[in-house]
Amino acid sequence: MVVEEIVSDTIPSLNVENLQKELIKRNVPCYKIVIAQAVLETGHFKSKHCRERNNIFGMRNKKGYKYYNSWIECVDDYEKRFSKRYKGGYYFVFLQKVHYAEDPTYEQKVRKLL
């Protein structure tokens, strides 16, 4: 499922397959859940934040949604902010502890995409 054909020599196009490869390469835990998070957060890679900001996880800072130069840079930020803090156990409990999402039905929405 290719979303955009914006492909450079170093950045592959954003799709589930390339996202999975990147997450596995970085040893991101529970990568299937993380892929489902990206699909949910971006509406299957079609949201404005995904297209204009390369923000595939709905990442925010004090000013609002973060901007990334590439979707891989967003994966890097996710890895630093969340994956490196995960010490095992039920990943959805971890996401609750780190206050990843405000939506109380977030887990159910992500599970539907698995």
C-alpha atoms as a PDB file:
ATOM      1  CA  MET A   1       0.000   0.000   0.000  1.00  0.00           C
ATOM      2  CA  VAL A   2       2.048   2.971  -1.275  1.00  0.00           C
ATOM      3  CA  VAL A   3       0.750   6.359  -0.190  1.00  0.00           C
ATOM      4  CA  GLU A   4       3.013   8.774  -1.968  1.00  0.00           C
ATOM      5  CA  GLU A   5       5.557   8.284  -4.654  1.00  0.00           C
ATOM      6  CA  ILE A   6       7.955  10.718  -3.010  1.00  0.00           C
ATOM      7  CA  VAL A   7      11.037   8.586  -3.087  1.00  0.00           C
ATOM      8  CA  SER A   8      14.571   9.790  -2.738  1.00  0.00           C
ATOM      9  CA  ASP A   9      17.813   7.871  -2.919  1.00  0.00           C
ATOM     10  CA  THR A  10      17.829   7.389   0.835  1.00  0.00           C
ATOM     11  CA  ILE A  11      14.202   7.574   2.008  1.00  0.00           C
ATOM     12  CA  PRO A  12      11.865   4.817   0.836  1.00  0.00           C
ATOM     13  CA  SER A  13       8.220   5.609   0.266  1.00  0.00           C
ATOM     14  CA  LEU A  14       5.944   5.315   3.273  1.00  0.00           C
ATOM     15  CA  ASN A  15       3.930   2.118   3.285  1.00  0.00           C
ATOM     16  CA  VAL A  16       3.296  -0.688   5.761  1.00  0.00           C
ATOM     17  CA  GLU A  17       6.055  -2.873   4.338  1.00  0.00           C
ATOM     18  CA  ASN A  18       8.735  -0.172   4.532  1.00  0.00           C
ATOM     19  CA  LEU A  19       7.587   0.911   7.976  1.00  0.00           C
ATOM     20  CA  GLN A  20       7.804  -2.695   9.177  1.00  0.00           C
ATOM     21  CA  LYS A  21      11.332  -3.045   7.764  1.00  0.00           C
ATOM     22  CA  GLU A  22      12.425   0.149   9.534  1.00  0.00           C
ATOM     23  CA  LEU A  23      10.909  -0.894  12.871  1.00  0.00           C
ATOM     24  CA  ILE A  24      12.487  -4.350  12.697  1.00  0.00           C
ATOM     25  CA  LYS A  25      15.845  -2.878  11.701  1.00  0.00           C
ATOM     26  CA  ARG A  26      15.725  -0.664  14.805  1.00  0.00           C
ATOM     27  CA  ASN A  27      14.492  -3.499  17.057  1.00  0.00           C
ATOM     28  CA  VAL A  28      11.388  -1.534  18.019  1.00  0.00           C
ATOM     29  CA  PRO A  29       9.401  -3.761  20.381  1.00  0.00           C
ATOM     30  CA  CYS A  30       5.874  -4.850  19.473  1.00  0.00           C
ATOM     31  CA  TYR A  31       6.367  -3.511  15.962  1.00  0.00           C
ATOM     32  CA  LYS A  32       2.993  -4.816  14.775  1.00  0.00           C
ATOM     33  CA  ILE A  33       1.262  -2.667  17.394  1.00  0.00           C
ATOM     34  CA  VAL A  34       3.437   0.287  16.401  1.00  0.00           C
ATOM     35  CA  ILE A  35       2.446  -0.173  12.744  1.00  0.00           C
ATOM     36  CA  ALA A  36      -1.215  -0.243  13.779  1.00  0.00           C
ATOM     37  CA  GLN A  37      -0.617   2.958  15.762  1.00  0.00           C
ATOM     38  CA  ALA A  38       0.810   4.657  12.670  1.00  0.00           C
ATOM     39  CA  VAL A  39      -2.091   3.487  10.503  1.00  0.00           C
ATOM     40  CA  LEU A  40      -4.604   4.730  13.084  1.00  0.00           C
ATOM     41  CA  GLU A  41      -2.848   8.044  13.723  1.00  0.00           C
ATOM     42  CA  THR A  42      -2.583   8.842  10.009  1.00  0.00           C
ATOM     43  CA  GLY A  43      -5.804   7.390   8.624  1.00  0.00           C
ATOM     44  CA  HIS A  44      -3.833   4.890   6.555  1.00  0.00           C
ATOM     45  CA  PHE A  45      -1.067   7.417   5.825  1.00  0.00           C
ATOM     46  CA  LYS A  46      -3.460  10.022   4.402  1.00  0.00           C
ATOM     47  CA  SER A  47      -3.741  12.612   7.180  1.00  0.00           C
ATOM     48  CA  LYS A  48      -2.547  16.174   6.781  1.00  0.00           C
ATOM     49  CA  HIS A  49       0.056  15.690   9.511  1.00  0.00           C
ATOM     50  CA  CYS A  50       1.420  12.650   7.745  1.00  0.00           C
ATOM     51  CA  ARG A  51       1.525  14.244   4.292  1.00  0.00           C
ATOM     52  CA  GLU A  52       2.722  17.725   5.292  1.00  0.00           C
ATOM     53  CA  ARG A  53       4.767  17.015   8.409  1.00  0.00           C
ATOM     54  CA  ASN A  54       5.908  13.400   7.983  1.00  0.00           C
ATOM     55  CA  ASN A  55       4.338  12.839  11.394  1.00  0.00           C
ATOM     56  CA  ILE A  56       3.100   9.254  11.404  1.00  0.00           C
ATOM     57  CA  PHE A  57       2.495   8.850  15.147  1.00  0.00           C
ATOM     58  CA  GLY A  58       0.657  12.059  16.027  1.00  0.00           C
ATOM     59  CA  MET A  59       3.703  13.250  17.959  1.00  0.00           C
ATOM     60  CA  ARG A  60       3.337  16.622  19.623  1.00  0.00           C
ATOM     61  CA  ASN A  61       5.341  19.192  21.471  1.00  0.00           C
ATOM     62  CA  LYS A  62       4.244  22.348  23.290  1.00  0.00           C
ATOM     63  CA  LYS A  63       3.587  24.093  19.969  1.00  0.00           C
ATOM     64  CA  GLY A  64       1.384  21.343  18.525  1.00  0.00           C
ATOM     65  CA  TYR A  65       2.068  18.568  16.059  1.00  0.00           C
ATOM     66  CA  LYS A  66       5.737  18.036  15.359  1.00  0.00           C
ATOM     67  CA  TYR A  67       7.313  18.414  11.934  1.00  0.00           C
ATOM     68  CA  TYR A  68       9.830  15.869  10.618  1.00  0.00           C
ATOM     69  CA  ASN A  69      11.993  15.975   7.514  1.00  0.00           C
ATOM     70  CA  SER A  70      11.004  12.372   6.746  1.00  0.00           C
ATOM     71  CA  TRP A  71       8.833   9.605   8.125  1.00  0.00           C
ATOM     72  CA  ILE A  72      12.035   7.817   9.162  1.00  0.00           C
ATOM     73  CA  GLU A  73      12.922  10.792  11.347  1.00  0.00           C
ATOM     74  CA  CYS A  74       9.512  10.378  12.997  1.00  0.00           C
ATOM     75  CA  VAL A  75      10.266   6.691  13.620  1.00  0.00           C
ATOM     76  CA  ASP A  76      13.541   7.761  15.199  1.00  0.00           C
ATOM     77  CA  ASP A  77      11.679  10.127  17.528  1.00  0.00           C
ATOM     78  CA  TYR A  78       9.172   7.403  18.465  1.00  0.00           C
ATOM     79  CA  GLU A  79      12.020   5.022  19.213  1.00  0.00           C
ATOM     80  CA  LYS A  80      13.780   7.548  21.448  1.00  0.00           C
ATOM     81  CA  ARG A  81      10.644   8.699  23.260  1.00  0.00           C
ATOM     82  CA  PHE A  82       8.879   5.377  23.749  1.00  0.00           C
ATOM     83  CA  SER A  83      10.624   2.228  22.572  1.00  0.00           C
ATOM     84  CA  LYS A  84      13.797   2.776  24.553  1.00  0.00           C
ATOM     85  CA  ARG A  85      11.725   3.194  27.732  1.00  0.00           C
ATOM     86  CA  TYR A  86       9.807  -0.061  27.266  1.00  0.00           C
ATOM     87  CA  LYS A  87      11.143  -2.750  29.603  1.00  0.00           C
ATOM     88  CA  GLY A  88       8.794  -5.578  28.685  1.00  0.00           C
ATOM     89  CA  GLY A  89       5.288  -6.592  29.571  1.00  0.00           C
ATOM     90  CA  TYR A  90       1.955  -5.752  28.019  1.00  0.00           C
ATOM     91  CA  TYR A  91       2.648  -2.995  25.481  1.00  0.00           C
ATOM     92  CA  PHE A  92      -0.765  -1.358  25.822  1.00  0.00           C
ATOM     93  CA  VAL A  93      -0.228  -0.947  29.584  1.00  0.00           C
ATOM     94  CA  PHE A  94       3.114   0.672  28.797  1.00  0.00           C
ATOM     95  CA  LEU A  95       1.433   3.078  26.363  1.00  0.00           C
ATOM     96  CA  GLN A  96      -1.042   4.045  29.094  1.00  0.00           C
ATOM     97  CA  LYS A  97       1.781   4.619  31.612  1.00  0.00           C
ATOM     98  CA  VAL A  98       3.638   6.941  29.250  1.00  0.00           C
ATOM     99  CA  HIS A  99       0.383   8.763  28.383  1.00  0.00           C
ATOM    100  CA  TYR A 100       0.737   8.030  24.686  1.00  0.00           C
ATOM    101  CA  ALA A 101      -2.916   8.682  23.827  1.00  0.00           C
ATOM    102  CA  GLU A 102      -5.723  10.675  25.410  1.00  0.00           C
ATOM    103  CA  ASP A 103      -8.499   8.581  23.852  1.00  0.00           C
ATOM    104  CA  PRO A 104      -9.787   6.020  26.404  1.00  0.00           C
ATOM    105  CA  THR A 105     -10.694   3.683  23.520  1.00  0.00           C
ATOM    106  CA  TYR A 106      -7.240   3.910  21.910  1.00  0.00           C
ATOM    107  CA  GLU A 107      -6.307   0.302  22.667  1.00  0.00           C
ATOM    108  CA  GLN A 108      -9.491  -1.034  21.095  1.00  0.00           C
ATOM    109  CA  LYS A 109      -8.965   1.096  17.976  1.00  0.00           C
ATOM    110  CA  VAL A 110      -5.383  -0.113  17.577  1.00  0.00           C
ATOM    111  CA  ARG A 111      -6.394  -3.750  18.183  1.00  0.00           C
ATOM    112  CA  LYS A 112      -8.895  -3.550  15.298  1.00  0.00           C
ATOM    113  CA  LEU A 113      -5.975  -2.807  12.974  1.00  0.00           C
ATOM    114  CA  LEU A 114      -3.818  -5.731  14.070  1.00  0.00           C
END
